[in-house]
PDB file of N, CA and C in Angstrom:
ATOM      1  N   MET A   1     113.056  96.890 115.160  1.00  0.00           N
ATOM      2  CA  MET A   1     112.363  97.606 116.213  1.00  0.00           C
ATOM      3  C   MET A   1     112.336  99.112 115.912  1.00  0.00           C
ATOM      4  N   ILE A   2     113.458  99.628 115.468  1.00  0.00           N
ATOM      5  CA  ILE A   2     113.509 101.053 115.145  1.00  0.00           C
ATOM      6  C   ILE A   2     112.575 101.357 113.975  1.00  0.00           C
ATOM      7  N   ARG A   3     112.531 100.450 113.020  1.00  0.00           N
ATOM      8  CA  ARG A   3     111.661 100.639 111.853  1.00  0.00           C
ATOM      9  C   ARG A   3     110.195 100.744 112.286  1.00  0.00           C
ATOM     10  N   MET A   4     109.793  99.976 113.285  1.00  0.00           N
ATOM     11  CA  MET A   4     108.423 100.013 113.784  1.00  0.00           C
ATOM     12  C   MET A   4     108.093 101.402 114.359  1.00  0.00           C
ATOM     13  N   TYR A   5     109.026 101.973 115.106  1.00  0.00           N
ATOM     14  CA  TYR A   5     108.824 103.316 115.651  1.00  0.00           C
ATOM     15  C   TYR A   5     108.735 104.360 114.538  1.00  0.00           C
ATOM     16  N   LEU A   6     109.616 104.241 113.559  1.00  0.00           N
ATOM     17  CA  LEU A   6     109.610 105.199 112.453  1.00  0.00           C
ATOM     18  C   LEU A   6     108.323 105.123 111.645  1.00  0.00           C
ATOM     19  N   GLU A   7     107.831 103.913 111.412  1.00  0.00           N
ATOM     20  CA  GLU A   7     106.570 103.765 110.678  1.00  0.00           C
ATOM     21  C   GLU A   7     105.413 104.387 111.453  1.00  0.00           C
ATOM     22  N   ALA A   8     105.407 104.229 112.761  1.00  0.00           N
ATOM     23  CA  ALA A   8     104.353 104.832 113.579  1.00  0.00           C
ATOM     24  C   ALA A   8     104.471 106.357 113.598  1.00  0.00           C
ATOM     25  N   MET A   9     105.703 106.865 113.575  1.00  0.00           N
ATOM     26  CA  MET A   9     105.919 108.310 113.588  1.00  0.00           C
ATOM     27  C   MET A   9     105.451 108.959 112.294  1.00  0.00           C
ATOM     28  N   VAL A  10     105.652 108.300 111.174  1.00  0.00           N
ATOM     29  CA  VAL A  10     105.331 108.873 109.864  1.00  0.00           C
ATOM     30  C   VAL A  10     103.854 109.214 109.767  1.00  0.00           C
ATOM     31  N   ILE A  11     102.997 108.411 110.339  1.00  0.00           N
ATOM     32  CA  ILE A  11     101.556 108.671 110.287  1.00  0.00           C
ATOM     33  C   ILE A  11     101.234 110.019 110.932  1.00  0.00           C
ATOM     34  N   TYR A  12     101.792 110.259 112.095  1.00  0.00           N
ATOM     35  CA  TYR A  12     101.523 111.517 112.795  1.00  0.00           C
ATOM     36  C   TYR A  12     102.187 112.702 112.112  1.00  0.00           C
ATOM     37  N   ILE A  13     103.359 112.481 111.558  1.00  0.00           N
ATOM     38  CA  ILE A  13     104.044 113.556 110.837  1.00  0.00           C
ATOM     39  C   ILE A  13     103.237 113.960 109.606  1.00  0.00           C
ATOM     40  N   LEU A  14     102.713 112.982 108.881  1.00  0.00           N
ATOM     41  CA  LEU A  14     101.904 113.290 107.700  1.00  0.00           C
ATOM     42  C   LEU A  14     100.596 113.988 108.073  1.00  0.00           C
ATOM     43  N   MET A  15     100.058 113.687 109.236  1.00  0.00           N
ATOM     44  CA  MET A  15      98.841 114.377 109.679  1.00  0.00           C
ATOM     45  C   MET A  15      99.157 115.799 110.157  1.00  0.00           C
ATOM     46  N   GLY A  16     100.314 115.983 110.753  1.00  0.00           N
ATOM     47  CA  GLY A  16     100.675 117.286 111.298  1.00  0.00           C
ATOM     48  C   GLY A  16     101.225 118.264 110.280  1.00  0.00           C
ATOM     49  N   ALA A  17     101.798 117.759 109.206  1.00  0.00           N
ATOM     50  CA  ALA A  17     102.446 118.635 108.219  1.00  0.00           C
ATOM     51  C   ALA A  17     101.497 119.647 107.586  1.00  0.00           C
ATOM     52  N   PRO A  18     100.322 119.229 107.065  1.00  0.00           N
ATOM     53  CA  PRO A  18      99.448 120.238 106.454  1.00  0.00           C
ATOM     54  C   PRO A  18      98.926 121.258 107.461  1.00  0.00           C
ATOM     55  N   ILE A  19      98.675 120.802 108.681  1.00  0.00           N
ATOM     56  CA  ILE A  19      98.189 121.726 109.717  1.00  0.00           C
ATOM     57  C   ILE A  19      99.264 122.754 110.041  1.00  0.00           C
ATOM     58  N   TYR A  20     100.496 122.284 110.229  1.00  0.00           N
ATOM     59  CA  TYR A  20     101.591 123.199 110.521  1.00  0.00           C
ATOM     60  C   TYR A  20     101.815 124.178 109.375  1.00  0.00           C
ATOM     61  N   LEU A  21     101.827 123.676 108.140  1.00  0.00           N
ATOM     62  CA  LEU A  21     102.080 124.544 106.990  1.00  0.00           C
ATOM     63  C   LEU A  21     101.012 125.622 106.854  1.00  0.00           C
ATOM     64  N   LEU A  22      99.761 125.271 107.077  1.00  0.00           N
ATOM     65  CA  LEU A  22      98.681 126.248 107.000  1.00  0.00           C
ATOM     66  C   LEU A  22      98.819 127.308 108.084  1.00  0.00           C
ATOM     67  N   ILE A  23      99.046 126.870 109.313  1.00  0.00           N
ATOM     68  CA  ILE A  23      99.172 127.822 110.425  1.00  0.00           C
ATOM     69  C   ILE A  23     100.389 128.722 110.232  1.00  0.00           C
ATOM     70  N   ARG A  24     101.500 128.141 109.818  1.00  0.00           N
ATOM     71  CA  ARG A  24     102.717 128.936 109.624  1.00  0.00           C
ATOM     72  C   ARG A  24     102.554 129.926 108.475  1.00  0.00           C
ATOM     73  N   TYR A  25     101.895 129.505 107.391  1.00  0.00           N
ATOM     74  CA  TYR A  25     101.656 130.398 106.255  1.00  0.00           C
ATOM     75  C   TYR A  25     100.808 131.588 106.689  1.00  0.00           C
ATOM     76  N   LEU A  26      99.742 131.324 107.427  1.00  0.00           N
ATOM     77  CA  LEU A  26      98.878 132.413 107.893  1.00  0.00           C
ATOM     78  C   LEU A  26      99.609 133.335 108.857  1.00  0.00           C
ATOM     79  N   TYR A  27     100.461 132.766 109.716  1.00  0.00           N
ATOM     80  CA  TYR A  27     101.215 133.574 110.669  1.00  0.00           C
ATOM     81  C   TYR A  27     102.188 134.505 109.945  1.00  0.00           C
ATOM     82  N   VAL A  28     102.917 133.980 108.972  1.00  0.00           N
ATOM     83  CA  VAL A  28     103.901 134.788 108.239  1.00  0.00           C
ATOM     84  C   VAL A  28     103.195 135.875 107.444  1.00  0.00           C
ATOM     85  N   LYS A  29     102.060 135.546 106.808  1.00  0.00           N
ATOM     86  CA  LYS A  29     101.327 136.544 106.029  1.00  0.00           C
ATOM     87  C   LYS A  29     100.725 137.613 106.931  1.00  0.00           C
ATOM     88  N   CYS A  30     100.240 137.206 108.109  1.00  0.00           N
ATOM     89  CA  CYS A  30      99.641 138.164 109.042  1.00  0.00           C
ATOM     90  C   CYS A  30     100.694 139.152 109.555  1.00  0.00           C
ATOM     91  N   LYS A  31     101.894 138.664 109.817  1.00  0.00           N
ATOM     92  CA  LYS A  31     102.979 139.521 110.305  1.00  0.00           C
ATOM     93  C   LYS A  31     103.663 140.284 109.172  1.00  0.00           C
ATOM     94  N   LYS A  32     103.289 139.960 107.917  1.00  0.00           N
ATOM     95  CA  LYS A  32     103.869 140.590 106.732  1.00  0.00           C
ATOM     96  C   LYS A  32     105.396 140.467 106.720  1.00  0.00           C
ATOM     97  N   GLN A  33     105.854 139.271 107.051  1.00  0.00           N
ATOM     98  CA  GLN A  33     107.281 138.988 107.036  1.00  0.00           C
ATOM     99  C   GLN A  33     107.674 138.405 105.685  1.00  0.00           C
ATOM    100  N   GLN A  34     108.912 138.621 105.327  1.00  0.00           N
ATOM    101  CA  GLN A  34     109.440 138.006 104.120  1.00  0.00           C
ATOM    102  C   GLN A  34     109.771 136.555 104.452  1.00  0.00           C
ATOM    103  N   ILE A  35     109.468 135.655 103.530  1.00  0.00           N
ATOM    104  CA  ILE A  35     109.711 134.230 103.767  1.00  0.00           C
ATOM    105  C   ILE A  35     111.182 133.927 103.524  1.00  0.00           C
ATOM    106  N   GLN A  36     111.841 133.396 104.547  1.00  0.00           N
ATOM    107  CA  GLN A  36     113.223 132.945 104.431  1.00  0.00           C
ATOM    108  C   GLN A  36     113.164 131.422 104.329  1.00  0.00           C
ATOM    109  N   TRP A  37     113.410 130.905 103.139  1.00  0.00           N
ATOM    110  CA  TRP A  37     113.161 129.496 102.847  1.00  0.00           C
ATOM    111  C   TRP A  37     114.017 128.551 103.672  1.00  0.00           C
ATOM    112  N   ILE A  38     115.264 128.896 103.920  1.00  0.00           N
ATOM    113  CA  ILE A  38     116.127 128.012 104.714  1.00  0.00           C
ATOM    114  C   ILE A  38     115.619 127.939 106.152  1.00  0.00           C
ATOM    115  N   LYS A  39     115.298 129.090 106.714  1.00  0.00           N
ATOM    116  CA  LYS A  39     114.781 129.130 108.085  1.00  0.00           C
ATOM    117  C   LYS A  39     113.468 128.356 108.193  1.00  0.00           C
ATOM    118  N   GLU A  40     112.577 128.575 107.248  1.00  0.00           N
ATOM    119  CA  GLU A  40     111.276 127.900 107.280  1.00  0.00           C
ATOM    120  C   GLU A  40     111.428 126.390 107.092  1.00  0.00           C
ATOM    121  N   SER A  41     112.353 125.971 106.238  1.00  0.00           N
ATOM    122  CA  SER A  41     112.582 124.538 106.016  1.00  0.00           C
ATOM    123  C   SER A  41     113.125 123.866 107.270  1.00  0.00           C
ATOM    124  N   LEU A  42     114.094 124.498 107.906  1.00  0.00           N
ATOM    125  CA  LEU A  42     114.649 123.939 109.134  1.00  0.00           C
ATOM    126  C   LEU A  42     113.618 123.917 110.256  1.00  0.00           C
ATOM    127  N   LEU A  43     112.828 124.958 110.357  1.00  0.00           N
ATOM    128  CA  LEU A  43     111.777 125.002 111.373  1.00  0.00           C
ATOM    129  C   LEU A  43     110.740 123.912 111.123  1.00  0.00           C
ATOM    130  N   PHE A  44     110.392 123.693 109.857  1.00  0.00           N
ATOM    131  CA  PHE A  44     109.450 122.635 109.494  1.00  0.00           C
ATOM    132  C   PHE A  44     109.980 121.262 109.897  1.00  0.00           C
ATOM    133  N   LEU A  45     111.243 120.993 109.569  1.00  0.00           N
ATOM    134  CA  LEU A  45     111.836 119.706 109.921  1.00  0.00           C
ATOM    135  C   LEU A  45     111.891 119.505 111.435  1.00  0.00           C
ATOM    136  N   PHE A  46     112.216 120.557 112.160  1.00  0.00           N
ATOM    137  CA  PHE A  46     112.279 120.459 113.616  1.00  0.00           C
ATOM    138  C   PHE A  46     110.904 120.183 114.214  1.00  0.00           C
ATOM    139  N   VAL A  47     109.889 120.892 113.736  1.00  0.00           N
ATOM    140  CA  VAL A  47     108.537 120.693 114.261  1.00  0.00           C
ATOM    141  C   VAL A  47     108.034 119.297 113.908  1.00  0.00           C
ATOM    142  N   MET A  48     108.325 118.811 112.712  1.00  0.00           N
ATOM    143  CA  MET A  48     107.900 117.458 112.342  1.00  0.00           C
ATOM    144  C   MET A  48     108.611 116.410 113.203  1.00  0.00           C
ATOM    145  N   PHE A  49     109.890 116.644 113.503  1.00  0.00           N
ATOM    146  CA  PHE A  49     110.620 115.746 114.391  1.00  0.00           C
ATOM    147  C   PHE A  49     109.988 115.749 115.788  1.00  0.00           C
ATOM    148  N   CYS A  50     109.646 116.929 116.286  1.00  0.00           N
ATOM    149  CA  CYS A  50     109.017 117.029 117.607  1.00  0.00           C
ATOM    150  C   CYS A  50     107.664 116.317 117.638  1.00  0.00           C
ATOM    151  N   ILE A  51     106.896 116.457 116.581  1.00  0.00           N
ATOM    152  CA  ILE A  51     105.606 115.756 116.494  1.00  0.00           C
ATOM    153  C   ILE A  51     105.826 114.254 116.529  1.00  0.00           C
ATOM    154  N   GLY A  52     106.795 113.775 115.786  1.00  0.00           N
ATOM    155  CA  GLY A  52     107.094 112.344 115.764  1.00  0.00           C
ATOM    156  C   GLY A  52     107.540 111.814 117.112  1.00  0.00           C
ATOM    157  N   VAL A  53     108.422 112.535 117.768  1.00  0.00           N
ATOM    158  CA  VAL A  53     108.898 112.112 119.085  1.00  0.00           C
ATOM    159  C   VAL A  53     107.760 112.164 120.109  1.00  0.00           C
ATOM    160  N   ALA A  54     106.971 113.212 120.058  1.00  0.00           N
ATOM    161  CA  ALA A  54     105.848 113.323 120.982  1.00  0.00           C
ATOM    162  C   ALA A  54     104.840 112.209 120.764  1.00  0.00           C
ATOM    163  N   SER A  55     104.622 111.821 119.524  1.00  0.00           N
ATOM    164  CA  SER A  55     103.658 110.741 119.252  1.00  0.00           C
ATOM    165  C   SER A  55     104.136 109.430 119.868  1.00  0.00           C
ATOM    166  N   GLN A  56     105.422 109.198 119.857  1.00  0.00           N
ATOM    167  CA  GLN A  56     105.957 107.952 120.431  1.00  0.00           C
ATOM    168  C   GLN A  56     106.042 108.019 121.950  1.00  0.00           C
ATOM    169  N   THR A  57     106.199 109.221 122.486  1.00  0.00           N
ATOM    170  CA  THR A  57     106.290 109.386 123.930  1.00  0.00           C
ATOM    171  C   THR A  57     104.915 109.280 124.574  1.00  0.00           C
ATOM    172  N   ILE A  58     103.933 109.912 123.975  1.00  0.00           N
ATOM    173  CA  ILE A  58     102.599 109.975 124.574  1.00  0.00           C
ATOM    174  C   ILE A  58     101.802 108.711 124.304  1.00  0.00           C
ATOM    175  N   ILE A  59     101.906 108.192 123.098  1.00  0.00           N
ATOM    176  CA  ILE A  59     101.066 107.043 122.745  1.00  0.00           C
ATOM    177  C   ILE A  59     101.789 105.743 122.974  1.00  0.00           C
TER     178      ILE A  59
END
């Protein structure tokens, strides 16, 4: 049962990842901030987790 939820989540995570990466890249470049890879990696994982949970909650 858990595997079924995870498989459904992966589809939305894969759709959301390029959109998030593009928006985040443009935001960081626009603000002229230095990229902190650990912070950005953790933020990416958190946002992908939120997308996955939201996909299972809403749909």
